[in-house]
Structures are given as structure tokens and as C-alpha cells.
Amino acid sequence: MRIRAAMAPTQVLLFAFVIGLLTGFRSLTPTAVTAWAAHAGWLKLPSPLSWCGTTTAAVIFTLLALLELITDKLPKTPSRTAPPGLIARILLGALSGASIASAGGEGIVLGAALGIVGALAGTYGGYQARTRLVKALGTPDFVIALLEDLVAIGGSLWVVSRF
């Protein structure tokens, strides 16, 4: 068992923003990773959010995340900036940001707000980065989408491992 020094509030809030940012890339991946981290006891969530760490929530978020990773590559999938995808990213960014902030001893509302701001930045920034990389590198969109998947998965694991 490793013992960590208490994290500074600014670090915790930065992680809440970053998990939101990653939610902008893939709406359900950071949420699923956060749920498993809570389930494993890495994140201690207060009672309003404790349901996120249940086995049921973790499994459902994971199945939905896997579905999203697959459907994102399909040609008919709507843009992440279209209302359904954008709303999902805002809501899940808020949930993940609140979970990270509260696990670090900061406020749920501030964490949710930072998660939303991060999700919006990730949604629009991720869209711009993906479309520009496809054009600049001349690669198929699928290749850049896989790279984006790796960033969302790896980044989410990195964030929750800080606690």
C-alpha cells in the first residue's frame, strides 16, 4: 500500500478539468475509467456520487464506452459537436469532474463546472485537432480516431492513478 501526500487543491481542480477535457474526446471512456477507479477504491466518492463506484455502474459505463469506441469509426456517426453528442459530453464531463474533485477533497459543484469547461474544450479542440491532423498527415480518419482513443484511455487512467 502506498501512501501519498495530500494533493494541492489546484492539482485536484486541474485533474477535474483534464478528465472533462478527455470526456470531450470520448464521452464515456473517462466516465468508465472513473467508475472503475471508484469501484477499486482509488477514488473515495461522497454519498451523492458513490453510486458511480458500484459494479453495475462501472459495467454499464464500460459497455457504453466500448460501443462508443466502435461507433465513432463509422461513417454515419454524427459529429461530437452535434446536440446529442455535445449534451452527453457536457453531462458526463460534469459527472467525471465532480467525481475527481470530490475524491480530492474539493467541491462537487466546482468539479462539475471544471468538468464541463474541460468537456467543451475537448469537444471543440478535439474536433479541430482530428480534422486538421487528417488533412495535414493525409491519413484516413480512422487512424487519427484510434490515436484519439489511446489519448482518452491513457489520459483517463493517468488522472485516476494520481489519487
C-alpha atoms as a PDB file:
ATOM      1  CA  MET A   1       0.000   0.000   0.000  1.00  0.00           C
ATOM      2  CA  ARG A   2       1.482   3.324  -0.971  1.00  0.00           C
ATOM      3  CA  ILE A   3       0.883   6.474   0.990  1.00  0.00           C
ATOM      4  CA  ARG A   4       0.631   9.717  -0.914  1.00  0.00           C
ATOM      5  CA  ALA A   5       0.970  13.225   0.333  1.00  0.00           C
ATOM      6  CA  ALA A   6      -2.204  15.289   0.179  1.00  0.00           C
ATOM      7  CA  MET A   7      -2.705  16.855  -3.215  1.00  0.00           C
ATOM      8  CA  ALA A   8      -2.862  20.627  -3.506  1.00  0.00           C
ATOM      9  CA  PRO A   9      -6.352  21.966  -4.313  1.00  0.00           C
ATOM     10  CA  THR A  10      -5.099  23.421  -7.596  1.00  0.00           C
ATOM     11  CA  GLN A  11      -3.842  19.981  -8.665  1.00  0.00           C
ATOM     12  CA  VAL A  12      -7.170  18.354  -7.840  1.00  0.00           C
ATOM     13  CA  LEU A  13      -9.075  21.007  -9.777  1.00  0.00           C
ATOM     14  CA  LEU A  14      -6.686  20.703 -12.719  1.00  0.00           C
ATOM     15  CA  PHE A  15      -7.370  16.956 -12.783  1.00  0.00           C
ATOM     16  CA  ALA A  16     -11.133  17.680 -12.757  1.00  0.00           C
ATOM     17  CA  PHE A  17     -10.619  19.889 -15.821  1.00  0.00           C
ATOM     18  CA  VAL A  18      -8.416  17.288 -17.552  1.00  0.00           C
ATOM     19  CA  ILE A  19     -10.913  14.448 -17.034  1.00  0.00           C
ATOM     20  CA  GLY A  20     -13.520  16.763 -18.570  1.00  0.00           C
ATOM     21  CA  LEU A  21     -11.169  17.529 -21.466  1.00  0.00           C
ATOM     22  CA  LEU A  22     -10.764  13.813 -22.113  1.00  0.00           C
ATOM     23  CA  THR A  23     -14.556  13.454 -21.979  1.00  0.00           C
ATOM     24  CA  GLY A  24     -14.637  15.833 -24.929  1.00  0.00           C
ATOM     25  CA  PHE A  25     -12.592  13.289 -26.897  1.00  0.00           C
ATOM     26  CA  ARG A  26     -14.638  10.225 -25.887  1.00  0.00           C
ATOM     27  CA  SER A  27     -17.672  10.908 -23.738  1.00  0.00           C
ATOM     28  CA  LEU A  28     -17.869   7.557 -21.963  1.00  0.00           C
ATOM     29  CA  THR A  29     -14.259   6.416 -21.658  1.00  0.00           C
ATOM     30  CA  PRO A  30     -13.246   8.802 -18.832  1.00  0.00           C
ATOM     31  CA  THR A  31     -16.551   8.088 -17.103  1.00  0.00           C
ATOM     32  CA  ALA A  32     -15.966   4.335 -17.252  1.00  0.00           C
ATOM     33  CA  VAL A  33     -12.381   4.695 -16.014  1.00  0.00           C
ATOM     34  CA  THR A  34     -13.545   6.951 -13.175  1.00  0.00           C
ATOM     35  CA  ALA A  35     -16.245   4.439 -12.219  1.00  0.00           C
ATOM     36  CA  TRP A  36     -13.737   1.571 -12.101  1.00  0.00           C
ATOM     37  CA  ALA A  37     -11.301   3.697 -10.079  1.00  0.00           C
ATOM     38  CA  ALA A  38     -14.063   4.399  -7.556  1.00  0.00           C
ATOM     39  CA  HIS A  39     -15.043   0.725  -7.550  1.00  0.00           C
ATOM     40  CA  ALA A  40     -11.407  -0.270  -6.892  1.00  0.00           C
ATOM     41  CA  GLY A  41     -11.166   2.226  -4.034  1.00  0.00           C
ATOM     42  CA  TRP A  42      -8.696   4.576  -5.749  1.00  0.00           C
ATOM     43  CA  LEU A  43     -11.272   7.353  -5.607  1.00  0.00           C
ATOM     44  CA  LYS A  44     -13.257   7.881  -2.420  1.00  0.00           C
ATOM     45  CA  LEU A  45     -16.552   9.362  -3.567  1.00  0.00           C
ATOM     46  CA  PRO A  46     -19.013  11.069  -1.224  1.00  0.00           C
ATOM     47  CA  SER A  47     -22.522   9.722  -0.940  1.00  0.00           C
ATOM     48  CA  PRO A  48     -24.161  11.758  -3.737  1.00  0.00           C
ATOM     49  CA  LEU A  49     -21.649  10.226  -6.167  1.00  0.00           C
ATOM     50  CA  SER A  50     -20.972   6.860  -4.529  1.00  0.00           C
ATOM     51  CA  TRP A  51     -23.298   5.082  -6.984  1.00  0.00           C
ATOM     52  CA  CYS A  52     -20.649   5.701  -9.681  1.00  0.00           C
ATOM     53  CA  GLY A  53     -18.365   3.196  -7.954  1.00  0.00           C
ATOM     54  CA  THR A  54     -20.850   0.329  -7.968  1.00  0.00           C
ATOM     55  CA  THR A  55     -20.153  -2.710 -10.096  1.00  0.00           C
ATOM     56  CA  THR A  56     -23.360  -2.086 -12.036  1.00  0.00           C
ATOM     57  CA  ALA A  57     -22.411   1.494 -12.928  1.00  0.00           C
ATOM     58  CA  ALA A  58     -18.857   0.531 -13.867  1.00  0.00           C
ATOM     59  CA  VAL A  59     -20.030  -2.299 -16.127  1.00  0.00           C
ATOM     60  CA  ILE A  60     -22.721  -0.184 -17.815  1.00  0.00           C
ATOM     61  CA  PHE A  61     -20.331   2.724 -18.417  1.00  0.00           C
ATOM     62  CA  THR A  62     -17.733   0.292 -19.783  1.00  0.00           C
ATOM     63  CA  LEU A  63     -20.152  -1.368 -22.195  1.00  0.00           C
ATOM     64  CA  LEU A  64     -21.345   2.022 -23.403  1.00  0.00           C
ATOM     65  CA  ALA A  65     -17.731   3.215 -23.754  1.00  0.00           C
ATOM     66  CA  LEU A  66     -16.858   0.161 -25.873  1.00  0.00           C
ATOM     67  CA  LEU A  67     -19.896   0.805 -28.045  1.00  0.00           C
ATOM     68  CA  GLU A  68     -18.822   4.428 -28.450  1.00  0.00           C
ATOM     69  CA  LEU A  69     -15.259   3.430 -29.398  1.00  0.00           C
ATOM     70  CA  ILE A  70     -16.698   1.264 -32.175  1.00  0.00           C
ATOM     71  CA  THR A  71     -19.416   3.596 -33.461  1.00  0.00           C
ATOM     72  CA  ASP A  72     -17.052   6.574 -33.541  1.00  0.00           C
ATOM     73  CA  LYS A  73     -15.291   4.954 -36.501  1.00  0.00           C
ATOM     74  CA  LEU A  74     -18.444   4.505 -38.555  1.00  0.00           C
ATOM     75  CA  PRO A  75     -19.000   6.934 -41.438  1.00  0.00           C
ATOM     76  CA  LYS A  76     -22.592   7.802 -40.461  1.00  0.00           C
ATOM     77  CA  THR A  77     -21.788   8.690 -36.832  1.00  0.00           C
ATOM     78  CA  PRO A  78     -22.829  12.298 -36.142  1.00  0.00           C
ATOM     79  CA  SER A  79     -20.236  14.876 -35.169  1.00  0.00           C
ATOM     80  CA  ARG A  80     -19.360  15.210 -31.495  1.00  0.00           C
ATOM     81  CA  THR A  81     -20.439  18.855 -31.773  1.00  0.00           C
ATOM     82  CA  ALA A  82     -23.999  17.901 -32.775  1.00  0.00           C
ATOM     83  CA  PRO A  83     -26.507  18.311 -29.900  1.00  0.00           C
ATOM     84  CA  PRO A  84     -26.808  14.659 -28.742  1.00  0.00           C
ATOM     85  CA  GLY A  85     -23.040  14.128 -28.511  1.00  0.00           C
ATOM     86  CA  LEU A  86     -22.390  17.577 -27.098  1.00  0.00           C
ATOM     87  CA  ILE A  87     -25.049  17.202 -24.391  1.00  0.00           C
ATOM     88  CA  ALA A  88     -23.648  13.784 -23.428  1.00  0.00           C
ATOM     89  CA  ARG A  89     -20.154  15.250 -23.169  1.00  0.00           C
ATOM     90  CA  ILE A  90     -21.361  18.133 -21.005  1.00  0.00           C
ATOM     91  CA  LEU A  91     -23.268  15.849 -18.615  1.00  0.00           C
ATOM     92  CA  LEU A  92     -20.569  13.181 -18.395  1.00  0.00           C
ATOM     93  CA  GLY A  93     -17.828  15.814 -18.106  1.00  0.00           C
ATOM     94  CA  ALA A  94     -19.726  17.246 -15.141  1.00  0.00           C
ATOM     95  CA  LEU A  95     -20.084  13.803 -13.544  1.00  0.00           C
ATOM     96  CA  SER A  96     -16.435  12.857 -14.032  1.00  0.00           C
ATOM     97  CA  GLY A  97     -15.165  16.289 -12.967  1.00  0.00           C
ATOM     98  CA  ALA A  98     -17.316  16.211  -9.838  1.00  0.00           C
ATOM     99  CA  SER A  99     -16.070  12.714  -9.016  1.00  0.00           C
ATOM    100  CA  ILE A 100     -12.402  13.652  -9.399  1.00  0.00           C
ATOM    101  CA  ALA A 101     -12.764  16.906  -7.446  1.00  0.00           C
ATOM    102  CA  SER A 102     -14.690  15.321  -4.601  1.00  0.00           C
ATOM    103  CA  ALA A 103     -12.237  12.401  -4.386  1.00  0.00           C
ATOM    104  CA  GLY A 104      -9.520  15.009  -3.901  1.00  0.00           C
ATOM    105  CA  GLY A 105     -11.435  16.804  -1.170  1.00  0.00           C
ATOM    106  CA  GLU A 106     -12.726  19.657  -3.308  1.00  0.00           C
ATOM    107  CA  GLY A 107     -16.303  20.729  -4.026  1.00  0.00           C
ATOM    108  CA  ILE A 108     -18.614  18.727  -6.233  1.00  0.00           C
ATOM    109  CA  VAL A 109     -20.086  21.825  -7.898  1.00  0.00           C
ATOM    110  CA  LEU A 110     -16.702  23.343  -8.737  1.00  0.00           C
ATOM    111  CA  GLY A 111     -15.507  19.967 -10.017  1.00  0.00           C
ATOM    112  CA  ALA A 112     -18.612  19.633 -12.184  1.00  0.00           C
ATOM    113  CA  ALA A 113     -18.131  23.141 -13.580  1.00  0.00           C
ATOM    114  CA  LEU A 114     -14.490  22.420 -14.425  1.00  0.00           C
ATOM    115  CA  GLY A 115     -15.509  19.101 -15.959  1.00  0.00           C
ATOM    116  CA  ILE A 116     -17.996  20.933 -18.196  1.00  0.00           C
ATOM    117  CA  VAL A 117     -15.442  23.554 -19.255  1.00  0.00           C
ATOM    118  CA  GLY A 118     -12.954  20.775 -19.967  1.00  0.00           C
ATOM    119  CA  ALA A 119     -15.541  18.780 -21.917  1.00  0.00           C
ATOM    120  CA  LEU A 120     -16.360  21.775 -24.095  1.00  0.00           C
ATOM    121  CA  ALA A 121     -12.660  22.460 -24.716  1.00  0.00           C
ATOM    122  CA  GLY A 122     -12.072  18.794 -25.509  1.00  0.00           C
ATOM    123  CA  THR A 123     -15.110  18.544 -27.760  1.00  0.00           C
ATOM    124  CA  TYR A 124     -14.273  21.513 -29.958  1.00  0.00           C
ATOM    125  CA  GLY A 125     -10.498  21.276 -29.639  1.00  0.00           C
ATOM    126  CA  GLY A 126     -10.545  17.529 -30.277  1.00  0.00           C
ATOM    127  CA  TYR A 127     -12.724  18.018 -33.350  1.00  0.00           C
ATOM    128  CA  GLN A 128     -10.363  20.663 -34.734  1.00  0.00           C
ATOM    129  CA  ALA A 129      -7.261  18.615 -33.943  1.00  0.00           C
ATOM    130  CA  ARG A 130      -8.681  15.474 -35.527  1.00  0.00           C
ATOM    131  CA  THR A 131      -9.848  17.123 -38.739  1.00  0.00           C
ATOM    132  CA  ARG A 132      -6.611  19.103 -39.115  1.00  0.00           C
ATOM    133  CA  LEU A 133      -4.398  16.073 -38.440  1.00  0.00           C
ATOM    134  CA  VAL A 134      -6.274  14.030 -41.043  1.00  0.00           C
ATOM    135  CA  LYS A 135      -5.709  16.787 -43.618  1.00  0.00           C
ATOM    136  CA  ALA A 136      -2.121  17.572 -42.644  1.00  0.00           C
ATOM    137  CA  LEU A 137      -0.935  13.964 -42.484  1.00  0.00           C
ATOM    138  CA  GLY A 138      -3.094  12.678 -45.322  1.00  0.00           C
ATOM    139  CA  THR A 139      -4.091   9.686 -43.222  1.00  0.00           C
ATOM    140  CA  PRO A 140      -7.517   8.119 -43.009  1.00  0.00           C
ATOM    141  CA  ASP A 141      -9.740   9.485 -40.251  1.00  0.00           C
ATOM    142  CA  PHE A 142      -9.750   6.001 -38.704  1.00  0.00           C
ATOM    143  CA  VAL A 143      -6.028   6.273 -37.836  1.00  0.00           C
ATOM    144  CA  ILE A 144      -6.422   9.601 -36.041  1.00  0.00           C
ATOM    145  CA  ALA A 145      -9.567   8.296 -34.304  1.00  0.00           C
ATOM    146  CA  LEU A 146      -7.546   5.387 -32.899  1.00  0.00           C
ATOM    147  CA  LEU A 147      -4.896   7.817 -31.675  1.00  0.00           C
ATOM    148  CA  GLU A 148      -7.655   9.842 -30.007  1.00  0.00           C
ATOM    149  CA  ASP A 149      -8.944   6.638 -28.357  1.00  0.00           C
ATOM    150  CA  LEU A 150      -5.483   5.971 -26.919  1.00  0.00           C
ATOM    151  CA  VAL A 151      -5.217   9.513 -25.560  1.00  0.00           C
ATOM    152  CA  ALA A 152      -8.660   9.254 -23.916  1.00  0.00           C
ATOM    153  CA  ILE A 153      -7.922   5.853 -22.361  1.00  0.00           C
ATOM    154  CA  GLY A 154      -4.351   6.571 -21.314  1.00  0.00           C
ATOM    155  CA  GLY A 155      -5.125  10.072 -20.094  1.00  0.00           C
ATOM    156  CA  SER A 156      -8.080   8.887 -18.031  1.00  0.00           C
ATOM    157  CA  LEU A 157      -6.025   6.114 -16.436  1.00  0.00           C
ATOM    158  CA  TRP A 158      -3.272   8.607 -15.684  1.00  0.00           C
ATOM    159  CA  VAL A 159      -5.694  11.029 -13.974  1.00  0.00           C
ATOM    160  CA  VAL A 160      -7.313   8.440 -11.705  1.00  0.00           C
ATOM    161  CA  SER A 161      -3.939   6.919 -10.831  1.00  0.00           C
ATOM    162  CA  ARG A 162      -2.908  10.209  -9.210  1.00  0.00           C
ATOM    163  CA  PHE A 163      -5.245   9.551  -6.250  1.00  0.00           C
END
